[in-house]
Amino acid sequence: EAKLNTGIGFFDHMLDQIARHGLIDLEIEAKGDLH
């Protein structure tokens, strides 16, 4: 299971792959200088 919010859609998609295929429950909240 994954709850992801990095502000970068494709990156969230990749982190979801780690969780799903690693069978890791993963929560990531990130706020960064995306500007």
PDB file of all heavy atoms in Angstrom:
ATOM      1  N   GLU A   1       0.838  -1.194   0.000  1.00  0.00           N
ATOM      2  CA  GLU A   1       0.000   0.000   0.000  1.00  0.00           C
ATOM      3  C   GLU A   1       0.876   1.249   0.000  1.00  0.00           C
ATOM      4  O   GLU A   1       1.914   1.296   0.662  1.00  0.00           O
ATOM      5  CB  GLU A   1      -0.911   0.015   1.221  1.00  0.00           C
ATOM      6  CG  GLU A   1      -1.924  -1.125   1.250  1.00  0.00           C
ATOM      7  CD  GLU A   1      -2.916  -1.045   0.108  1.00  0.00           C
ATOM      8  OE1 GLU A   1      -3.357   0.086  -0.211  1.00  0.00           O
ATOM      9  OE2 GLU A   1      -3.235  -2.096  -0.480  1.00  0.00           O
ATOM     10  N   ALA A   2       0.445   2.269  -0.729  1.00  0.00           N
ATOM     11  CA  ALA A   2       1.244   3.487  -0.824  1.00  0.00           C
ATOM     12  C   ALA A   2       0.373   4.732  -0.747  1.00  0.00           C
ATOM     13  O   ALA A   2      -0.711   4.781  -1.324  1.00  0.00           O
ATOM     14  CB  ALA A   2       2.037   3.496  -2.127  1.00  0.00           C
ATOM     15  N   LYS A   3       0.851   5.719   0.003  1.00  0.00           N
ATOM     16  CA  LYS A   3       0.266   7.054   0.046  1.00  0.00           C
ATOM     17  C   LYS A   3       1.397   8.024  -0.270  1.00  0.00           C
ATOM     18  O   LYS A   3       2.318   8.190   0.528  1.00  0.00           O
ATOM     19  CB  LYS A   3      -0.330   7.350   1.419  1.00  0.00           C
ATOM     20  CG  LYS A   3      -1.501   6.452   1.798  1.00  0.00           C
ATOM     21  CD  LYS A   3      -2.024   6.800   3.183  1.00  0.00           C
ATOM     22  CE  LYS A   3      -3.169   5.878   3.582  1.00  0.00           C
ATOM     23  NZ  LYS A   3      -3.657   6.184   4.963  1.00  0.00           N
ATOM     24  N   LEU A   4       1.325   8.638  -1.436  1.00  0.00           N
ATOM     25  CA  LEU A   4       2.470   9.381  -1.953  1.00  0.00           C
ATOM     26  C   LEU A   4       2.057  10.775  -2.399  1.00  0.00           C
ATOM     27  O   LEU A   4       1.050  10.936  -3.088  1.00  0.00           O
ATOM     28  CB  LEU A   4       3.084   8.629  -3.141  1.00  0.00           C
ATOM     29  CG  LEU A   4       3.433   7.154  -2.879  1.00  0.00           C
ATOM     30  CD1 LEU A   4       3.655   6.426  -4.180  1.00  0.00           C
ATOM     31  CD2 LEU A   4       4.645   7.060  -1.972  1.00  0.00           C
ATOM     32  N   ASN A   5       2.862  11.747  -2.038  1.00  0.00           N
ATOM     33  CA  ASN A   5       2.612  13.112  -2.479  1.00  0.00           C
ATOM     34  C   ASN A   5       3.922  13.878  -2.497  1.00  0.00           C
ATOM     35  O   ASN A   5       4.333  14.470  -1.501  1.00  0.00           O
ATOM     36  CB  ASN A   5       1.608  13.808  -1.556  1.00  0.00           C
ATOM     37  CG  ASN A   5       1.261  15.207  -2.043  1.00  0.00           C
ATOM     38  OD1 ASN A   5       1.498  15.562  -3.193  1.00  0.00           O
ATOM     39  ND2 ASN A   5       0.711  16.022  -1.145  1.00  0.00           N
ATOM     40  N   THR A   6       4.600  13.837  -3.647  1.00  0.00           N
ATOM     41  CA  THR A   6       5.868  14.546  -3.788  1.00  0.00           C
ATOM     42  C   THR A   6       5.737  15.807  -4.629  1.00  0.00           C
ATOM     43  O   THR A   6       6.685  16.588  -4.713  1.00  0.00           O
ATOM     44  CB  THR A   6       6.931  13.642  -4.450  1.00  0.00           C
ATOM     45  OG1 THR A   6       6.545  13.377  -5.811  1.00  0.00           O
ATOM     46  CG2 THR A   6       7.090  12.337  -3.690  1.00  0.00           C
ATOM     47  N   GLY A   7       4.596  15.974  -5.280  1.00  0.00           N
ATOM     48  CA  GLY A   7       4.426  17.109  -6.180  1.00  0.00           C
ATOM     49  C   GLY A   7       4.910  16.827  -7.590  1.00  0.00           C
ATOM     50  O   GLY A   7       4.774  17.672  -8.474  1.00  0.00           O
ATOM     51  N   ILE A   8       5.463  15.648  -7.813  1.00  0.00           N
ATOM     52  CA  ILE A   8       5.936  15.247  -9.154  1.00  0.00           C
ATOM     53  C   ILE A   8       5.207  13.955  -9.515  1.00  0.00           C
ATOM     54  O   ILE A   8       5.523  12.888  -8.979  1.00  0.00           O
ATOM     55  CB  ILE A   8       7.462  15.030  -9.187  1.00  0.00           C
ATOM     56  CG1 ILE A   8       8.194  16.268  -8.660  1.00  0.00           C
ATOM     57  CG2 ILE A   8       7.935  14.705 -10.600  1.00  0.00           C
ATOM     58  CD1 ILE A   8       9.691  16.065  -8.461  1.00  0.00           C
ATOM     59  N   GLY A   9       4.245  14.047 -10.405  1.00  0.00           N
ATOM     60  CA  GLY A   9       3.363  12.919 -10.695  1.00  0.00           C
ATOM     61  C   GLY A   9       4.081  11.650 -11.111  1.00  0.00           C
ATOM     62  O   GLY A   9       3.780  10.564 -10.603  1.00  0.00           O
ATOM     63  N   PHE A  10       5.014  11.752 -12.023  1.00  0.00           N
ATOM     64  CA  PHE A  10       5.703  10.547 -12.501  1.00  0.00           C
ATOM     65  C   PHE A  10       6.548   9.934 -11.396  1.00  0.00           C
ATOM     66  O   PHE A  10       6.643   8.703 -11.292  1.00  0.00           O
ATOM     67  CB  PHE A  10       6.581  10.853 -13.718  1.00  0.00           C
ATOM     68  CG  PHE A  10       7.234   9.629 -14.285  1.00  0.00           C
ATOM     69  CD1 PHE A  10       6.524   8.718 -15.047  1.00  0.00           C
ATOM     70  CD2 PHE A  10       8.574   9.353 -14.020  1.00  0.00           C
ATOM     71  CE1 PHE A  10       7.122   7.564 -15.543  1.00  0.00           C
ATOM     72  CE2 PHE A  10       9.178   8.204 -14.512  1.00  0.00           C
ATOM     73  CZ  PHE A  10       8.451   7.313 -15.281  1.00  0.00           C
ATOM     74  N   PHE A  11       7.149  10.763 -10.561  1.00  0.00           N
ATOM     75  CA  PHE A  11       7.943  10.257  -9.443  1.00  0.00           C
ATOM     76  C   PHE A  11       7.057   9.488  -8.472  1.00  0.00           C
ATOM     77  O   PHE A  11       7.434   8.406  -7.996  1.00  0.00           O
ATOM     78  CB  PHE A  11       8.652  11.419  -8.748  1.00  0.00           C
ATOM     79  CG  PHE A  11       9.636  11.016  -7.682  1.00  0.00           C
ATOM     80  CD1 PHE A  11      10.453   9.906  -7.824  1.00  0.00           C
ATOM     81  CD2 PHE A  11       9.758  11.788  -6.529  1.00  0.00           C
ATOM     82  CE1 PHE A  11      11.373   9.547  -6.835  1.00  0.00           C
ATOM     83  CE2 PHE A  11      10.670  11.444  -5.541  1.00  0.00           C
ATOM     84  CZ  PHE A  11      11.472  10.327  -5.699  1.00  0.00           C
ATOM     85  N   ASP A  12       5.867  10.006  -8.189  1.00  0.00           N
ATOM     86  CA  ASP A  12       4.913   9.265  -7.356  1.00  0.00           C
ATOM     87  C   ASP A  12       4.602   7.905  -7.972  1.00  0.00           C
ATOM     88  O   ASP A  12       4.502   6.895  -7.263  1.00  0.00           O
ATOM     89  CB  ASP A  12       3.614  10.052  -7.184  1.00  0.00           C
ATOM     90  CG  ASP A  12       3.744  11.230  -6.230  1.00  0.00           C
ATOM     91  OD1 ASP A  12       4.780  11.341  -5.546  1.00  0.00           O
ATOM     92  OD2 ASP A  12       2.802  12.040  -6.175  1.00  0.00           O
ATOM     93  N   HIS A  13       4.443   7.878  -9.274  1.00  0.00           N
ATOM     94  CA  HIS A  13       4.165   6.623  -9.995  1.00  0.00           C
ATOM     95  C   HIS A  13       5.308   5.628  -9.804  1.00  0.00           C
ATOM     96  O   HIS A  13       5.072   4.424  -9.612  1.00  0.00           O
ATOM     97  CB  HIS A  13       3.949   6.944 -11.473  1.00  0.00           C
ATOM     98  CG  HIS A  13       3.642   5.765 -12.339  1.00  0.00           C
ATOM     99  ND1 HIS A  13       2.734   4.781 -11.998  1.00  0.00           N
ATOM    100  CD2 HIS A  13       4.118   5.413 -13.567  1.00  0.00           C
ATOM    101  CE1 HIS A  13       2.665   3.880 -12.961  1.00  0.00           C
ATOM    102  NE2 HIS A  13       3.503   4.233 -13.917  1.00  0.00           N
ATOM    103  N   MET A  14       6.543   6.101  -9.831  1.00  0.00           N
ATOM    104  CA  MET A  14       7.694   5.218  -9.653  1.00  0.00           C
ATOM    105  C   MET A  14       7.804   4.733  -8.209  1.00  0.00           C
ATOM    106  O   MET A  14       8.118   3.564  -7.956  1.00  0.00           O
ATOM    107  CB  MET A  14       8.989   5.931 -10.064  1.00  0.00           C
ATOM    108  CG  MET A  14       9.082   6.269 -11.544  1.00  0.00           C
ATOM    109  SD  MET A  14       9.012   4.807 -12.637  1.00  0.00           S
ATOM    110  CE  MET A  14       7.271   4.792 -13.101  1.00  0.00           C
ATOM    111  N   LEU A  15       7.551   5.606  -7.250  1.00  0.00           N
ATOM    112  CA  LEU A  15       7.578   5.199  -5.841  1.00  0.00           C
ATOM    113  C   LEU A  15       6.504   4.167  -5.557  1.00  0.00           C
ATOM    114  O   LEU A  15       6.693   3.251  -4.748  1.00  0.00           O
ATOM    115  CB  LEU A  15       7.395   6.425  -4.942  1.00  0.00           C
ATOM    116  CG  LEU A  15       8.535   7.445  -4.974  1.00  0.00           C
ATOM    117  CD1 LEU A  15       8.116   8.724  -4.251  1.00  0.00           C
ATOM    118  CD2 LEU A  15       9.810   6.873  -4.359  1.00  0.00           C
ATOM    119  N   ASP A  16       5.378   4.292  -6.242  1.00  0.00           N
ATOM    120  CA  ASP A  16       4.300   3.310  -6.106  1.00  0.00           C
ATOM    121  C   ASP A  16       4.761   1.939  -6.590  1.00  0.00           C
ATOM    122  O   ASP A  16       4.380   0.899  -6.030  1.00  0.00           O
ATOM    123  CB  ASP A  16       3.078   3.773  -6.891  1.00  0.00           C
ATOM    124  CG  ASP A  16       1.815   3.005  -6.536  1.00  0.00           C
ATOM    125  OD1 ASP A  16       1.730   2.439  -5.432  1.00  0.00           O
ATOM    126  OD2 ASP A  16       0.886   2.978  -7.373  1.00  0.00           O
ATOM    127  N   GLN A  17       5.610   1.910  -7.624  1.00  0.00           N
ATOM    128  CA  GLN A  17       6.144   0.632  -8.113  1.00  0.00           C
ATOM    129  C   GLN A  17       7.017  -0.032  -7.046  1.00  0.00           C
ATOM    130  O   GLN A  17       6.969  -1.252  -6.857  1.00  0.00           O
ATOM    131  CB  GLN A  17       6.978   0.851  -9.383  1.00  0.00           C
ATOM    132  CG  GLN A  17       6.260   1.522 -10.529  1.00  0.00           C
ATOM    133  CD  GLN A  17       4.991   0.806 -10.944  1.00  0.00           C
ATOM    134  OE1 GLN A  17       4.914  -0.425 -10.919  1.00  0.00           O
ATOM    135  NE2 GLN A  17       3.987   1.582 -11.314  1.00  0.00           N
ATOM    136  N   ILE A  18       7.811   0.781  -6.335  1.00  0.00           N
ATOM    137  CA  ILE A  18       8.659   0.227  -5.272  1.00  0.00           C
ATOM    138  C   ILE A  18       7.796  -0.410  -4.199  1.00  0.00           C
ATOM    139  O   ILE A  18       8.055  -1.528  -3.741  1.00  0.00           O
ATOM    140  CB  ILE A  18       9.547   1.326  -4.663  1.00  0.00           C
ATOM    141  CG1 ILE A  18      10.535   1.858  -5.706  1.00  0.00           C
ATOM    142  CG2 ILE A  18      10.312   0.781  -3.448  1.00  0.00           C
ATOM    143  CD1 ILE A  18      11.344   3.058  -5.227  1.00  0.00           C
ATOM    144  N   ALA A  19       6.747   0.314  -3.780  1.00  0.00           N
ATOM    145  CA  ALA A  19       5.864  -0.209  -2.743  1.00  0.00           C
ATOM    146  C   ALA A  19       5.176  -1.486  -3.192  1.00  0.00           C
ATOM    147  O   ALA A  19       5.179  -2.504  -2.486  1.00  0.00           O
ATOM    148  CB  ALA A  19       4.827   0.848  -2.354  1.00  0.00           C
ATOM    149  N   ARG A  20       4.587  -1.445  -4.380  1.00  0.00           N
ATOM    150  CA  ARG A  20       3.787  -2.577  -4.859  1.00  0.00           C
ATOM    151  C   ARG A  20       4.633  -3.821  -5.071  1.00  0.00           C
ATOM    152  O   ARG A  20       4.270  -4.915  -4.646  1.00  0.00           O
ATOM    153  CB  ARG A  20       3.097  -2.184  -6.180  1.00  0.00           C
ATOM    154  CG  ARG A  20       2.113  -3.218  -6.713  1.00  0.00           C
ATOM    155  CD  ARG A  20       0.915  -3.358  -5.789  1.00  0.00           C
ATOM    156  NE  ARG A  20       0.269  -2.084  -5.537  1.00  0.00           N
ATOM    157  CZ  ARG A  20      -0.673  -1.557  -6.319  1.00  0.00           C
ATOM    158  NH1 ARG A  20      -1.068  -2.198  -7.400  1.00  0.00           N
ATOM    159  NH2 ARG A  20      -1.222  -0.402  -6.034  1.00  0.00           N
ATOM    160  N   HIS A  21       5.771  -3.650  -5.724  1.00  0.00           N
ATOM    161  CA  HIS A  21       6.594  -4.814  -6.048  1.00  0.00           C
ATOM    162  C   HIS A  21       7.527  -5.211  -4.909  1.00  0.00           C
ATOM    163  O   HIS A  21       7.997  -6.350  -4.864  1.00  0.00           O
ATOM    164  CB  HIS A  21       7.366  -4.564  -7.343  1.00  0.00           C
ATOM    165  CG  HIS A  21       6.463  -4.469  -8.531  1.00  0.00           C
ATOM    166  ND1 HIS A  21       5.979  -5.577  -9.188  1.00  0.00           N
ATOM    167  CD2 HIS A  21       5.897  -3.395  -9.146  1.00  0.00           C
ATOM    168  CE1 HIS A  21       5.174  -5.198 -10.173  1.00  0.00           C
ATOM    169  NE2 HIS A  21       5.110  -3.876 -10.159  1.00  0.00           N
ATOM    170  N   GLY A  22       7.767  -4.290  -3.975  1.00  0.00           N
ATOM    171  CA  GLY A  22       8.564  -4.624  -2.802  1.00  0.00           C
ATOM    172  C   GLY A  22       7.724  -5.112  -1.644  1.00  0.00           C
ATOM    173  O   GLY A  22       8.273  -5.509  -0.619  1.00  0.00           O
ATOM    174  N   LEU A  23       6.383  -5.059  -1.801  1.00  0.00           N
ATOM    175  CA  LEU A  23       5.453  -5.389  -0.707  1.00  0.00           C
ATOM    176  C   LEU A  23       5.802  -4.592   0.549  1.00  0.00           C
ATOM    177  O   LEU A  23       5.848  -5.107   1.662  1.00  0.00           O
ATOM    178  CB  LEU A  23       5.427  -6.888  -0.417  1.00  0.00           C
ATOM    179  CG  LEU A  23       4.727  -7.750  -1.478  1.00  0.00           C
ATOM    180  CD1 LEU A  23       4.709  -9.214  -1.058  1.00  0.00           C
ATOM    181  CD2 LEU A  23       3.307  -7.256  -1.738  1.00  0.00           C
ATOM    182  N   ILE A  24       6.057  -3.315   0.322  1.00  0.00           N
ATOM    183  CA  ILE A  24       6.359  -2.367   1.389  1.00  0.00           C
ATOM    184  C   ILE A  24       5.186  -1.401   1.500  1.00  0.00           C
ATOM    185  O   ILE A  24       4.752  -0.843   0.490  1.00  0.00           O
ATOM    186  CB  ILE A  24       7.628  -1.561   1.070  1.00  0.00           C
ATOM    187  CG1 ILE A  24       8.834  -2.482   0.880  1.00  0.00           C
ATOM    188  CG2 ILE A  24       7.907  -0.523   2.142  1.00  0.00           C
ATOM    189  CD1 ILE A  24      10.018  -1.776   0.241  1.00  0.00           C
ATOM    190  N   ASP A  25       4.659  -1.214   2.701  1.00  0.00           N
ATOM    191  CA  ASP A  25       3.707  -0.135   2.909  1.00  0.00           C
ATOM    192  C   ASP A  25       4.513   1.149   3.036  1.00  0.00           C
ATOM    193  O   ASP A  25       5.428   1.256   3.865  1.00  0.00           O
ATOM    194  CB  ASP A  25       2.871  -0.371   4.164  1.00  0.00           C
ATOM    195  CG  ASP A  25       1.873  -1.513   3.985  1.00  0.00           C
ATOM    196  OD1 ASP A  25       1.638  -1.926   2.830  1.00  0.00           O
ATOM    197  OD2 ASP A  25       1.336  -1.992   4.993  1.00  0.00           O
ATOM    198  N   LEU A  26       4.160   2.127   2.203  1.00  0.00           N
ATOM    199  CA  LEU A  26       5.008   3.305   2.059  1.00  0.00           C
ATOM    200  C   LEU A  26       4.172   4.574   2.069  1.00  0.00           C
ATOM    201  O   LEU A  26       3.228   4.715   1.299  1.00  0.00           O
ATOM    202  CB  LEU A  26       5.783   3.199   0.737  1.00  0.00           C
ATOM    203  CG  LEU A  26       6.763   4.291   0.360  1.00  0.00           C
ATOM    204  CD1 LEU A  26       7.853   4.428   1.402  1.00  0.00           C
ATOM    205  CD2 LEU A  26       7.373   4.003  -1.015  1.00  0.00           C
ATOM    206  N   GLU A  27       4.523   5.486   2.972  1.00  0.00           N
ATOM    207  CA  GLU A  27       3.909   6.810   3.015  1.00  0.00           C
ATOM    208  C   GLU A  27       5.005   7.845   2.834  1.00  0.00           C
ATOM    209  O   GLU A  27       6.006   7.825   3.555  1.00  0.00           O
ATOM    210  CB  GLU A  27       3.201   7.056   4.348  1.00  0.00           C
ATOM    211  CG  GLU A  27       2.014   6.154   4.615  1.00  0.00           C
ATOM    212  CD  GLU A  27       1.362   6.458   5.959  1.00  0.00           C
ATOM    213  OE1 GLU A  27       1.544   7.597   6.469  1.00  0.00           O
ATOM    214  OE2 GLU A  27       0.693   5.567   6.502  1.00  0.00           O
ATOM    215  N   ILE A  28       4.814   8.728   1.854  1.00  0.00           N
ATOM    216  CA  ILE A  28       5.787   9.792   1.620  1.00  0.00           C
ATOM    217  C   ILE A  28       5.054  11.106   1.395  1.00  0.00           C
ATOM    218  O   ILE A  28       4.215  11.217   0.505  1.00  0.00           O
ATOM    219  CB  ILE A  28       6.693   9.494   0.411  1.00  0.00           C
ATOM    220  CG1 ILE A  28       7.518   8.226   0.644  1.00  0.00           C
ATOM    221  CG2 ILE A  28       7.613  10.676   0.134  1.00  0.00           C
ATOM    222  CD1 ILE A  28       8.411   7.848  -0.519  1.00  0.00           C
ATOM    223  N   GLU A  29       5.377  12.100   2.224  1.00  0.00           N
ATOM    224  CA  GLU A  29       4.905  13.461   2.057  1.00  0.00           C
ATOM    225  C   GLU A  29       6.128  14.332   1.837  1.00  0.00           C
ATOM    226  O   GLU A  29       7.044  14.344   2.668  1.00  0.00           O
ATOM    227  CB  GLU A  29       4.142  13.938   3.290  1.00  0.00           C
ATOM    228  CG  GLU A  29       2.728  13.399   3.405  1.00  0.00           C
ATOM    229  CD  GLU A  29       1.756  14.085   2.455  1.00  0.00           C
ATOM    230  OE1 GLU A  29       2.065  15.213   1.995  1.00  0.00           O
ATOM    231  OE2 GLU A  29       0.706  13.489   2.177  1.00  0.00           O
ATOM    232  N   ALA A  30       6.158  15.031   0.717  1.00  0.00           N
ATOM    233  CA  ALA A  30       7.324  15.857   0.413  1.00  0.00           C
ATOM    234  C   ALA A  30       6.891  17.220  -0.102  1.00  0.00           C
ATOM    235  O   ALA A  30       6.036  17.323  -0.986  1.00  0.00           O
ATOM    236  CB  ALA A  30       8.205  15.166  -0.621  1.00  0.00           C
ATOM    237  N   LYS A  31       7.482  18.248   0.471  1.00  0.00           N
ATOM    238  CA  LYS A  31       7.319  19.604  -0.029  1.00  0.00           C
ATOM    239  C   LYS A  31       8.708  20.123  -0.358  1.00  0.00           C
ATOM    240  O   LYS A  31       9.581  20.167   0.512  1.00  0.00           O
ATOM    241  CB  LYS A  31       6.644  20.495   1.018  1.00  0.00           C
ATOM    242  CG  LYS A  31       5.208  20.107   1.325  1.00  0.00           C
ATOM    243  CD  LYS A  31       4.595  21.038   2.356  1.00  0.00           C
ATOM    244  CE  LYS A  31       3.158  20.642   2.666  1.00  0.00           C
ATOM    245  NZ  LYS A  31       2.545  21.527   3.700  1.00  0.00           N
ATOM    246  N   GLY A  32       8.902  20.487  -1.610  1.00  0.00           N
ATOM    247  CA  GLY A  32      10.226  20.925  -2.030  1.00  0.00           C
ATOM    248  C   GLY A  32      10.161  22.152  -2.909  1.00  0.00           C
ATOM    249  O   GLY A  32       9.076  22.632  -3.264  1.00  0.00           O
ATOM    250  N   ASP A  33      11.332  22.666  -3.262  1.00  0.00           N
ATOM    251  CA  ASP A  33      11.429  23.884  -4.070  1.00  0.00           C
ATOM    252  C   ASP A  33      11.242  23.557  -5.560  1.00  0.00           C
ATOM    253  O   ASP A  33      12.147  23.759  -6.375  1.00  0.00           O
ATOM    254  CB  ASP A  33      12.759  24.592  -3.799  1.00  0.00           C
ATOM    255  CG  ASP A  33      13.970  23.660  -3.917  1.00  0.00           C
ATOM    256  OD1 ASP A  33      13.781  22.476  -4.273  1.00  0.00           O
ATOM    257  OD2 ASP A  33      15.091  24.114  -3.659  1.00  0.00           O
ATOM    258  N   LEU A  34      10.045  23.083  -5.891  1.00  0.00           N
ATOM    259  CA  LEU A  34       9.761  22.692  -7.272  1.00  0.00           C
ATOM    260  C   LEU A  34       9.714  23.885  -8.219  1.00  0.00           C
ATOM    261  O   LEU A  34       9.732  23.707  -9.441  1.00  0.00           O
ATOM    262  CB  LEU A  34       8.441  21.914  -7.334  1.00  0.00           C
ATOM    263  CG  LEU A  34       8.419  20.586  -6.572  1.00  0.00           C
ATOM    264  CD1 LEU A  34       7.062  19.912  -6.728  1.00  0.00           C
ATOM    265  CD2 LEU A  34       9.530  19.661  -7.048  1.00  0.00           C
ATOM    266  N   HIS A  35       9.644  25.096  -7.668  1.00  0.00           N
ATOM    267  CA  HIS A  35       9.706  26.286  -8.530  1.00  0.00           C
ATOM    268  C   HIS A  35      11.092  26.421  -9.149  1.00  0.00           C
ATOM    269  O   HIS A  35      11.260  27.116 -10.167  1.00  0.00           O
ATOM    270  CB  HIS A  35       9.361  27.541  -7.735  1.00  0.00           C
ATOM    271  CG  HIS A  35      10.292  27.818  -6.595  1.00  0.00           C
ATOM    272  ND1 HIS A  35      10.265  27.089  -5.426  1.00  0.00           N
ATOM    273  CD2 HIS A  35      11.282  28.748  -6.453  1.00  0.00           C
ATOM    274  CE1 HIS A  35      11.188  27.557  -4.603  1.00  0.00           C
ATOM    275  NE2 HIS A  35      11.831  28.550  -5.197  1.00  0.00           N
TER     276      HIS A  35
END
